[in-house]
Protein backbone atom coordinates (compact mmCIF):
# COMPACT_ATOMS: atom_id res chain seq x y z
CA UNK A 1 103.21 43.28 63.61
CA UNK A 2 106.49 41.40 63.92
CA UNK A 3 108.60 44.09 63.62
CA UNK A 4 106.58 45.82 66.05
CA UNK A 5 107.13 42.72 68.57
CA UNK A 6 111.18 43.24 67.61
CA UNK A 7 110.76 46.66 69.19
CA UNK A 8 109.76 45.30 72.61
CA UNK A 9 112.99 44.59 74.63
CA UNK A 10 113.37 40.83 75.96
CA UNK A 11 113.05 40.50 79.81
CA UNK A 12 117.28 39.51 79.33
CA UNK A 13 117.44 43.38 78.63
CA UNK A 14 115.69 44.30 81.61
CA UNK A 15 117.63 44.79 84.14
CA UNK A 16 115.62 46.05 87.57
CA UNK A 17 118.99 45.96 89.76
CA UNK A 18 120.45 48.39 87.38
CA UNK A 19 117.58 50.11 86.95
CA UNK A 20 117.55 50.91 91.17
CA UNK A 21 121.55 50.92 91.86
CA UNK A 22 122.63 52.37 87.91
CA UNK A 23 125.99 51.43 87.63
CA UNK A 24 128.20 51.51 89.96
CA UNK A 25 128.92 49.24 93.21
CA UNK A 26 127.24 48.86 96.59
CA UNK A 27 130.74 50.67 97.81
CA UNK A 28 129.75 53.42 94.98
CA UNK A 29 125.98 54.15 97.77
CA UNK A 30 127.65 54.36 100.87
CA UNK A 31 130.67 57.04 98.98
CA UNK A 32 127.38 58.73 98.38
CA UNK A 33 126.63 58.75 101.89
CA UNK A 34 129.89 60.22 103.27
CA UNK A 35 130.20 63.15 99.63
CA UNK A 36 126.72 64.00 101.02
CA UNK A 37 128.29 65.02 104.56
CA UNK A 38 131.12 66.82 103.13
CA UNK A 39 128.27 68.96 101.09
CA UNK A 40 125.85 69.54 103.67
CA UNK A 41 128.15 70.72 105.67
CA UNK A 42 129.85 72.66 103.16
CA UNK A 43 126.55 74.25 101.86
CA UNK A 44 125.72 75.64 105.40
CA UNK A 45 128.80 76.94 105.64
CA UNK A 46 128.91 79.55 102.71
CA UNK A 47 124.97 80.12 104.03
CA UNK A 48 125.89 81.36 107.33
CA UNK A 49 129.25 82.82 105.61
CA UNK A 50 126.84 84.37 103.46
CA UNK A 51 124.69 86.28 106.47
CA UNK A 52 121.13 87.28 106.66
CA UNK A 53 120.34 88.72 103.63
CA UNK A 54 121.84 85.81 101.69
CA UNK A 55 118.69 83.49 103.24
CA UNK A 56 115.87 86.39 103.51
CA UNK A 57 112.46 84.26 104.09
CA UNK A 58 113.93 81.29 104.10
CA UNK A 59 116.15 79.78 106.54
CA UNK A 60 119.49 78.43 106.48
CA UNK A 61 118.26 74.43 106.99
CA UNK A 62 115.35 75.16 104.09
CA UNK A 63 118.13 76.35 101.94
CA UNK A 64 120.49 73.95 102.45
CA UNK A 65 117.39 70.70 102.02
CA UNK A 66 115.91 72.46 98.81
CA UNK A 67 119.44 72.08 97.08
CA UNK A 68 120.59 69.37 98.20
CA UNK A 69 117.65 67.46 97.24
CA UNK A 70 117.12 69.49 93.95
CA UNK A 71 120.62 68.43 93.28
CA UNK A 72 120.32 64.75 94.38
CA UNK A 73 116.80 65.08 92.52
CA UNK A 74 118.44 65.67 89.49
CA UNK A 75 120.94 63.85 88.23
CA UNK A 76 119.03 60.34 88.51
CA UNK A 77 116.54 62.03 86.12
CA UNK A 78 118.67 63.20 83.39
CA UNK A 79 121.68 60.02 83.27
CA UNK A 80 120.94 57.03 82.90
CA UNK A 81 124.38 55.31 84.93
CA UNK A 82 123.00 57.40 88.07
CA UNK A 83 120.65 55.30 90.36
CA UNK A 84 117.53 55.52 92.12
CA UNK A 85 118.58 54.40 95.25
CA UNK A 86 121.63 57.01 94.92
CA UNK A 87 119.30 59.57 94.99
CA UNK A 88 117.54 57.86 97.63
CA UNK A 89 120.97 58.27 99.83
CA UNK A 90 121.27 61.44 99.56
CA UNK A 91 117.72 61.99 100.94
CA UNK A 92 118.01 59.82 103.58
CA UNK A 93 121.84 61.07 104.72
CA UNK A 94 120.27 64.84 104.35
CA UNK A 95 117.64 64.40 107.02
CA UNK A 96 119.77 62.43 109.04
CA UNK A 97 121.87 65.78 109.12
CA UNK A 98 119.29 68.09 109.84
CA UNK A 99 117.48 65.87 112.03
CA UNK A 100 121.06 66.30 113.95
CA UNK A 101 121.80 69.77 113.16
CA UNK A 102 118.12 70.30 114.66
CA UNK A 103 119.06 68.80 117.79
CA UNK A 104 122.40 69.90 118.61
CA UNK A 105 121.52 73.52 118.32
CA UNK A 106 118.17 72.32 120.19
CA UNK A 107 121.05 71.34 122.85
CA UNK A 108 123.56 74.00 123.01
CA UNK A 109 123.33 77.47 122.81
CA UNK A 110 126.13 78.61 121.33
CA UNK A 111 126.06 76.08 118.36
CA UNK A 112 122.48 77.73 118.01
CA UNK A 113 124.22 81.47 117.47
CA UNK A 114 127.10 80.06 115.69
CA UNK A 115 124.73 78.26 112.36
CA UNK A 116 121.55 80.42 112.79
CA UNK A 117 123.37 83.68 113.70
CA UNK A 118 122.18 86.69 116.61
CA UNK A 119 119.89 89.89 115.45
CA UNK A 120 122.64 92.72 114.90
CA UNK A 121 122.31 96.05 115.50
CA UNK A 122 121.93 98.72 112.45
CA UNK A 123 121.02 101.81 114.15
CA UNK A 124 121.30 103.19 118.08
CA UNK A 125 119.81 106.42 118.89
CA UNK A 126 119.39 107.34 115.37
CA UNK A 127 123.10 106.81 114.12
CA UNK A 128 125.17 104.06 112.64
CA UNK A 129 126.17 101.01 114.57
CA UNK A 130 128.98 100.86 112.18
CA UNK A 131 130.91 98.03 112.97
CA UNK A 132 128.05 96.00 113.26
CA UNK A 133 127.49 97.16 109.35
CA UNK A 134 130.85 95.03 108.38
CA UNK A 135 129.19 91.80 110.02
CA UNK A 136 126.65 91.78 107.33
CA UNK A 137 126.62 91.95 103.36
CA UNK A 138 124.54 95.00 103.64
CA UNK A 139 124.75 98.42 101.79
CA UNK A 140 123.47 101.85 102.71
CA UNK A 141 121.12 101.60 99.24
CA UNK A 142 119.62 98.55 100.21
CA UNK A 143 118.83 99.31 103.80
CA UNK A 144 117.31 102.96 103.18
CA UNK A 145 114.89 101.33 100.77
CA UNK A 146 113.93 98.65 103.18
CA UNK A 147 113.27 102.33 105.83
CA UNK A 148 111.97 104.18 103.28
CA UNK A 149 109.78 101.38 102.51
CA UNK A 150 107.88 101.49 106.31
CA UNK A 151 107.99 105.47 105.91
CA UNK A 152 111.30 106.90 106.90
CA UNK A 153 112.83 109.44 105.89
CA UNK A 154 115.91 110.32 108.49
CA UNK A 155 117.17 108.90 110.80
CA UNK A 156 116.08 111.44 113.59
CA UNK A 157 112.85 108.85 113.43
CA UNK A 158 114.23 105.85 114.81
CA UNK A 159 115.63 104.59 117.96
CA UNK A 160 116.46 101.46 117.19
CA UNK A 161 117.17 99.07 114.01
CA UNK A 162 117.92 95.44 114.11
CA UNK A 163 118.97 92.80 111.12
CA UNK A 164 116.96 89.99 112.45
CA UNK A 165 118.31 86.03 112.11
CA UNK A 166 115.71 85.61 109.26
CA UNK A 167 117.65 88.55 107.52
CA UNK A 168 113.70 90.97 108.16
CA UNK A 169 114.42 94.18 108.75
CA UNK A 170 113.00 95.36 112.74
CA UNK A 171 112.50 99.46 113.54
CA UNK A 172 111.49 100.72 116.56
CA UNK A 173 110.67 104.36 116.59
CA UNK A 174 110.69 107.71 117.99
CA UNK A 175 107.43 109.40 119.81
CA UNK A 176 106.53 111.75 117.50
CA UNK A 177 107.90 114.22 120.26
CA UNK A 178 110.89 112.71 120.59
CA UNK A 179 112.15 112.96 116.70
CA UNK A 180 115.34 114.58 116.34
CA UNK A 181 117.32 116.20 113.44
CA UNK A 182 118.81 113.51 111.37
CA UNK A 183 120.39 112.39 108.12
CA UNK A 184 118.48 111.94 105.49
CA UNK A 185 117.64 109.15 102.78
CA UNK A 186 115.72 110.24 100.78
CA UNK A 187 118.29 110.23 97.99
CA UNK A 188 117.21 114.12 96.81
CA UNK A 189 118.36 114.31 99.82
CA UNK A 190 120.89 112.57 100.94
CA UNK A 191 122.94 112.90 97.72
CA UNK A 192 123.33 116.77 98.72
CA UNK A 193 127.26 116.53 100.12
CA UNK A 194 129.17 118.80 102.09
CA UNK A 195 132.68 118.87 102.65
CA UNK A 196 133.14 122.81 102.81
CA UNK A 197 129.97 124.08 105.27
CA UNK A 198 128.39 127.57 103.95
CA UNK A 199 126.00 128.26 106.18
CA UNK A 200 126.13 127.07 110.33
CA UNK A 201 123.41 124.89 110.57
CA UNK A 202 123.20 121.51 112.00
CA UNK A 203 124.16 118.41 109.75
CA UNK A 204 124.35 114.74 109.68
CA UNK A 205 127.61 112.76 108.89
CA UNK A 206 126.93 110.80 105.35
CA UNK A 207 129.06 107.64 106.47
CA UNK A 208 128.11 107.08 110.49
CA UNK A 209 124.94 109.31 110.42
CA UNK A 210 125.95 111.14 113.80
CA UNK A 211 124.79 115.34 113.72
CA UNK A 212 125.67 118.29 115.16
CA UNK A 213 125.44 121.82 114.93
CA UNK A 214 128.23 123.12 112.64
CA UNK A 215 129.41 126.83 112.41
CA UNK A 216 130.53 127.93 108.61
CA UNK A 217 133.75 126.38 108.01
CA UNK A 218 136.46 124.66 104.91
CA UNK A 219 136.18 121.15 106.84
CA UNK A 220 134.71 119.99 109.92
CA UNK A 221 136.15 115.96 110.69
CA UNK A 222 133.22 114.14 112.53
CA UNK A 223 134.57 112.95 115.89
CA UNK A 224 132.53 109.57 115.30
CA UNK A 225 134.39 108.15 112.03
CA UNK A 226 136.71 110.95 111.10
CA UNK A 227 135.14 111.28 108.28
CA UNK A 228 134.40 114.76 106.41
CA UNK A 229 131.25 114.83 104.31
CA UNK A 230 128.08 116.33 105.87
CA UNK A 231 123.93 116.26 105.04
CA UNK A 232 121.89 118.77 105.95
CA UNK A 233 119.67 117.82 108.37
CA UNK A 234 115.89 117.30 108.58
CA UNK A 235 113.58 116.72 112.01
CA UNK A 236 109.98 115.97 110.24
CA UNK A 237 107.57 113.54 111.91
CA UNK A 238 107.38 110.12 109.68
CA UNK A 239 104.38 109.52 108.08
CA UNK A 240 102.28 106.20 108.46
């Protein structure tokens, strides 16, 4: 019984202030607030640079909150010298930054576009908007997979494709009677590329999707992107 009582810490060893504040002074709590603001802006900037595909299904703000809160909550759980007040300070500063950011977005369309971005056109009238693809970290294979999941087999079925600020792909289709020849995106067709055109027909540029009738020739240069690889175009309607 005496041994058990000796294992219980006495009141003089119990420091409630240290439990809340940790071993740092109050000036360090202010420093945490400053560090949090800097890291909040750094994370926000990094996610903006990553583009919409990096934050698909979660808004930039939600990711910032999750990352910031996760980091703030983690250290006090594992490190004895990190007080709870430090974590609470991070929470409060992040929330204030979030409120300020949403207020600025509401007040300024320019800031809203800077942080959240704008929808970007990826396909226009059955052809890639090549310049816009460079603005987003989106590869052809990933984009083709998204379109195939929506029943698309070639670009001639698509009037307009946009990548929304959420990272989702929006597709606008031609009606069945308006479907035209286009670049196939099914793997077994897309992988068959031609530099030398042995049989005259309608072909699509492998790079930009530009489609035209090409006679037999040793090489044909795309007048849009100056590439020389072509794929036999198809014109079947979309299966829904």
